C-alpha cells in the first residue's frame, strides 16, 4: 500500500482551513455570548489529516483530505464530543479557484455548535394518557 502524498496547494489550504474553522467557532461563541473556546491544532501533511481539539465542551473535529476516484478533491470533517458516541459530519467538495472556504468553514463550525443529537427518553408510567407519549416524542 503506497503512501498518499498531498499536493502542496491543498496542504496549505488544509492549514488555512483549520484557521478559518477556528475563527468561525470563536465568532459564533462571541455572538452567543459564550466563552471563546481554546483550540489546539495538529496537521499531518503527508497523510492529509488534521485535528482541532476544542477545550470548551471537550471534543475534536477531525479533517481528512483525499481525492475521489473521479479526481475531485474532498475534505471530510467529523466532529466528536467528549463522553458522547454520536458524531457530526460535513463533506466539502471544493471546485474552482474561487471556492468559498469561509462558508465551508462556517458550515463545519455549525456542525460542531449544533452538538450531538440529543435523544429524549420519555418516562412511561401506567397512568400516563396515551396521547402524552405522542407529544413527548
C-alpha atoms as a PDB file:
ATOM      1  CA  UNK A   1       0.000   0.000   0.000  1.00  0.00           C
ATOM      2  CA  UNK A   2       1.532   3.304  -1.102  1.00  0.00           C
ATOM      3  CA  UNK A   3       1.650   6.497   0.858  1.00  0.00           C
ATOM      4  CA  UNK A   4      -0.775   9.239  -0.175  1.00  0.00           C
ATOM      5  CA  UNK A   5       1.120  12.446  -0.884  1.00  0.00           C
ATOM      6  CA  UNK A   6      -0.980  15.582  -0.673  1.00  0.00           C
ATOM      7  CA  UNK A   7      -0.242  18.340  -3.147  1.00  0.00           C
ATOM      8  CA  UNK A   8       1.402  21.453  -1.690  1.00  0.00           C
ATOM      9  CA  UNK A   9      -1.529  23.783  -2.531  1.00  0.00           C
ATOM     10  CA  UNK A  10      -4.011  21.503  -0.736  1.00  0.00           C
ATOM     11  CA  UNK A  11      -1.639  21.140   2.236  1.00  0.00           C
ATOM     12  CA  UNK A  12      -1.557  24.915   2.610  1.00  0.00           C
ATOM     13  CA  UNK A  13      -5.313  25.105   2.207  1.00  0.00           C
ATOM     14  CA  UNK A  14      -5.835  22.443   4.881  1.00  0.00           C
ATOM     15  CA  UNK A  15      -3.910  24.502   7.440  1.00  0.00           C
ATOM     16  CA  UNK A  16      -5.662  27.685   6.322  1.00  0.00           C
ATOM     17  CA  UNK A  17      -8.986  25.884   6.503  1.00  0.00           C
ATOM     18  CA  UNK A  18      -8.279  24.921  10.132  1.00  0.00           C
ATOM     19  CA  UNK A  19      -7.704  28.601  10.881  1.00  0.00           C
ATOM     20  CA  UNK A  20     -10.981  29.535   9.202  1.00  0.00           C
ATOM     21  CA  UNK A  21     -12.897  26.900  11.206  1.00  0.00           C
ATOM     22  CA  UNK A  22     -11.263  28.124  14.422  1.00  0.00           C
ATOM     23  CA  UNK A  23     -12.207  31.724  13.568  1.00  0.00           C
ATOM     24  CA  UNK A  24     -15.796  30.655  12.832  1.00  0.00           C
ATOM     25  CA  UNK A  25     -16.025  28.818  16.179  1.00  0.00           C
ATOM     26  CA  UNK A  26     -14.724  31.870  18.042  1.00  0.00           C
ATOM     27  CA  UNK A  27     -17.030  34.243  16.130  1.00  0.00           C
ATOM     28  CA  UNK A  28     -20.063  32.073  16.905  1.00  0.00           C
ATOM     29  CA  UNK A  29     -19.062  31.907  20.584  1.00  0.00           C
ATOM     30  CA  UNK A  30     -18.799  35.707  20.745  1.00  0.00           C
ATOM     31  CA  UNK A  31     -22.175  36.094  19.004  1.00  0.00           C
ATOM     32  CA  UNK A  32     -23.776  33.690  21.500  1.00  0.00           C
ATOM     33  CA  UNK A  33     -22.083  35.348  24.487  1.00  0.00           C
ATOM     34  CA  UNK A  34     -20.393  32.102  25.500  1.00  0.00           C
ATOM     35  CA  UNK A  35     -16.733  31.696  26.450  1.00  0.00           C
ATOM     36  CA  UNK A  36     -14.371  31.659  23.492  1.00  0.00           C
ATOM     37  CA  UNK A  37     -13.034  28.118  23.133  1.00  0.00           C
ATOM     38  CA  UNK A  38      -9.355  27.320  23.291  1.00  0.00           C
ATOM     39  CA  UNK A  39      -8.325  25.300  20.254  1.00  0.00           C
ATOM     40  CA  UNK A  40      -5.234  23.203  19.556  1.00  0.00           C
ATOM     41  CA  UNK A  41      -4.268  22.108  16.043  1.00  0.00           C
ATOM     42  CA  UNK A  42      -2.280  19.228  14.658  1.00  0.00           C
ATOM     43  CA  UNK A  43      -1.654  18.525  10.965  1.00  0.00           C
ATOM     44  CA  UNK A  44      -0.129  15.528   9.195  1.00  0.00           C
ATOM     45  CA  UNK A  45       0.561  16.839   5.703  1.00  0.00           C
ATOM     46  CA  UNK A  46       1.727  13.578   4.066  1.00  0.00           C
ATOM     47  CA  UNK A  47      -1.444  11.756   5.123  1.00  0.00           C
ATOM     48  CA  UNK A  48      -3.846  14.662   4.553  1.00  0.00           C
ATOM     49  CA  UNK A  49      -5.106  14.582   8.147  1.00  0.00           C
ATOM     50  CA  UNK A  50      -5.675  17.378  10.627  1.00  0.00           C
ATOM     51  CA  UNK A  51      -7.370  17.718  14.006  1.00  0.00           C
ATOM     52  CA  UNK A  52      -8.759  20.587  16.041  1.00  0.00           C
ATOM     53  CA  UNK A  53      -9.073  19.814  19.738  1.00  0.00           C
ATOM     54  CA  UNK A  54     -11.627  22.121  21.327  1.00  0.00           C
ATOM     55  CA  UNK A  55     -11.405  22.695  25.061  1.00  0.00           C
ATOM     56  CA  UNK A  56     -14.868  24.230  25.512  1.00  0.00           C
ATOM     57  CA  UNK A  57     -17.191  21.268  25.929  1.00  0.00           C
ATOM     58  CA  UNK A  58     -14.377  18.893  25.105  1.00  0.00           C
ATOM     59  CA  UNK A  59     -14.164  17.272  21.735  1.00  0.00           C
ATOM     60  CA  UNK A  60     -12.453  17.268  18.375  1.00  0.00           C
ATOM     61  CA  UNK A  61     -13.003  17.935  14.722  1.00  0.00           C
ATOM     62  CA  UNK A  62     -11.003  15.566  12.527  1.00  0.00           C
ATOM     63  CA  UNK A  63     -10.301  16.582   8.929  1.00  0.00           C
ATOM     64  CA  UNK A  64      -9.356  14.172   6.172  1.00  0.00           C
ATOM     65  CA  UNK A  65      -8.333  15.271   2.688  1.00  0.00           C
ATOM     66  CA  UNK A  66      -8.488  12.793  -0.162  1.00  0.00           C
ATOM     67  CA  UNK A  67      -9.043  12.570  -3.875  1.00  0.00           C
ATOM     68  CA  UNK A  68     -12.114  10.730  -5.125  1.00  0.00           C
ATOM     69  CA  UNK A  69     -11.999   8.167  -7.928  1.00  0.00           C
ATOM     70  CA  UNK A  70     -13.138  10.791 -10.444  1.00  0.00           C
ATOM     71  CA  UNK A  71     -10.233  13.078  -9.463  1.00  0.00           C
ATOM     72  CA  UNK A  72     -12.317  15.502  -7.396  1.00  0.00           C
ATOM     73  CA  UNK A  73     -10.949  16.671  -4.049  1.00  0.00           C
ATOM     74  CA  UNK A  74     -12.858  16.090  -0.818  1.00  0.00           C
ATOM     75  CA  UNK A  75     -12.282  17.316   2.721  1.00  0.00           C
ATOM     76  CA  UNK A  76     -14.307  15.377   5.259  1.00  0.00           C
ATOM     77  CA  UNK A  77     -14.850  16.843   8.720  1.00  0.00           C
ATOM     78  CA  UNK A  78     -16.001  14.637  11.594  1.00  0.00           C
ATOM     79  CA  UNK A  79     -16.947  16.306  14.881  1.00  0.00           C
ATOM     80  CA  UNK A  80     -16.991  14.325  18.110  1.00  0.00           C
ATOM     81  CA  UNK A  81     -17.832  15.456  21.615  1.00  0.00           C
ATOM     82  CA  UNK A  82     -16.499  14.269  24.962  1.00  0.00           C
ATOM     83  CA  UNK A  83     -18.441  11.401  26.552  1.00  0.00           C
ATOM     84  CA  UNK A  84     -20.728  11.042  23.515  1.00  0.00           C
ATOM     85  CA  UNK A  85     -20.845   8.359  20.847  1.00  0.00           C
ATOM     86  CA  UNK A  86     -22.618  10.447  18.213  1.00  0.00           C
ATOM     87  CA  UNK A  87     -20.597  12.258  15.575  1.00  0.00           C
ATOM     88  CA  UNK A  88     -21.393  15.118  13.228  1.00  0.00           C
ATOM     89  CA  UNK A  89     -20.154  15.126   9.649  1.00  0.00           C
ATOM     90  CA  UNK A  90     -19.548  17.605   6.858  1.00  0.00           C
ATOM     91  CA  UNK A  91     -18.102  16.882   3.427  1.00  0.00           C
ATOM     92  CA  UNK A  92     -16.544  19.693   1.420  1.00  0.00           C
ATOM     93  CA  UNK A  93     -16.029  19.372  -2.335  1.00  0.00           C
ATOM     94  CA  UNK A  94     -14.025  22.450  -3.385  1.00  0.00           C
ATOM     95  CA  UNK A  95     -14.371  23.242  -7.061  1.00  0.00           C
ATOM     96  CA  UNK A  96     -12.572  26.047  -8.845  1.00  0.00           C
ATOM     97  CA  UNK A  97     -10.159  28.679  -7.635  1.00  0.00           C
ATOM     98  CA  UNK A  98     -12.977  30.873  -6.325  1.00  0.00           C
ATOM     99  CA  UNK A  99     -14.352  28.265  -3.886  1.00  0.00           C
ATOM    100  CA  UNK A 100     -15.737  29.933  -0.733  1.00  0.00           C
ATOM    101  CA  UNK A 101     -13.590  28.371   2.019  1.00  0.00           C
ATOM    102  CA  UNK A 102     -15.059  30.731   4.666  1.00  0.00           C
ATOM    103  CA  UNK A 103     -18.583  29.466   4.006  1.00  0.00           C
ATOM    104  CA  UNK A 104     -17.339  25.873   4.175  1.00  0.00           C
ATOM    105  CA  UNK A 105     -15.575  26.637   7.483  1.00  0.00           C
ATOM    106  CA  UNK A 106     -18.764  28.181   8.866  1.00  0.00           C
ATOM    107  CA  UNK A 107     -20.633  25.023   7.879  1.00  0.00           C
ATOM    108  CA  UNK A 108     -18.135  22.849   9.783  1.00  0.00           C
ATOM    109  CA  UNK A 109     -18.346  25.178  12.801  1.00  0.00           C
ATOM    110  CA  UNK A 110     -22.150  24.927  12.662  1.00  0.00           C
ATOM    111  CA  UNK A 111     -21.893  21.127  12.851  1.00  0.00           C
ATOM    112  CA  UNK A 112     -19.764  21.443  15.991  1.00  0.00           C
ATOM    113  CA  UNK A 113     -22.004  24.074  17.607  1.00  0.00           C
ATOM    114  CA  UNK A 114     -25.154  22.046  16.888  1.00  0.00           C
ATOM    115  CA  UNK A 115     -23.697  19.407  19.196  1.00  0.00           C
ATOM    116  CA  UNK A 116     -24.523  15.745  19.338  1.00  0.00           C
ATOM    117  CA  UNK A 117     -28.056  14.756  18.561  1.00  0.00           C
ATOM    118  CA  UNK A 118     -29.910  14.598  21.824  1.00  0.00           C
ATOM    119  CA  UNK A 119     -32.199  11.666  22.308  1.00  0.00           C
ATOM    120  CA  UNK A 120     -35.068  12.268  24.664  1.00  0.00           C
ATOM    121  CA  UNK A 121     -36.244   9.265  26.595  1.00  0.00           C
ATOM    122  CA  UNK A 122     -39.752   9.650  27.887  1.00  0.00           C
ATOM    123  CA  UNK A 123     -40.580   8.127  31.240  1.00  0.00           C
ATOM    124  CA  UNK A 124     -43.613   5.907  30.837  1.00  0.00           C
ATOM    125  CA  UNK A 125     -45.929   5.296  33.773  1.00  0.00           C
ATOM    126  CA  UNK A 126     -49.042   3.060  33.854  1.00  0.00           C
ATOM    127  CA  UNK A 127     -51.380   6.011  34.494  1.00  0.00           C
ATOM    128  CA  UNK A 128     -49.997   8.157  31.628  1.00  0.00           C
ATOM    129  CA  UNK A 129     -52.584   9.084  28.969  1.00  0.00           C
ATOM    130  CA  UNK A 130     -51.957   7.546  25.539  1.00  0.00           C
ATOM    131  CA  UNK A 131     -51.587  10.944  23.798  1.00  0.00           C
ATOM    132  CA  UNK A 132     -48.810  12.005  26.235  1.00  0.00           C
ATOM    133  CA  UNK A 133     -46.422   9.595  24.537  1.00  0.00           C
ATOM    134  CA  UNK A 134     -47.098  11.118  21.129  1.00  0.00           C
ATOM    135  CA  UNK A 135     -46.386  14.641  22.387  1.00  0.00           C
ATOM    136  CA  UNK A 136     -43.185  13.546  24.180  1.00  0.00           C
ATOM    137  CA  UNK A 137     -41.614  12.111  21.020  1.00  0.00           C
END
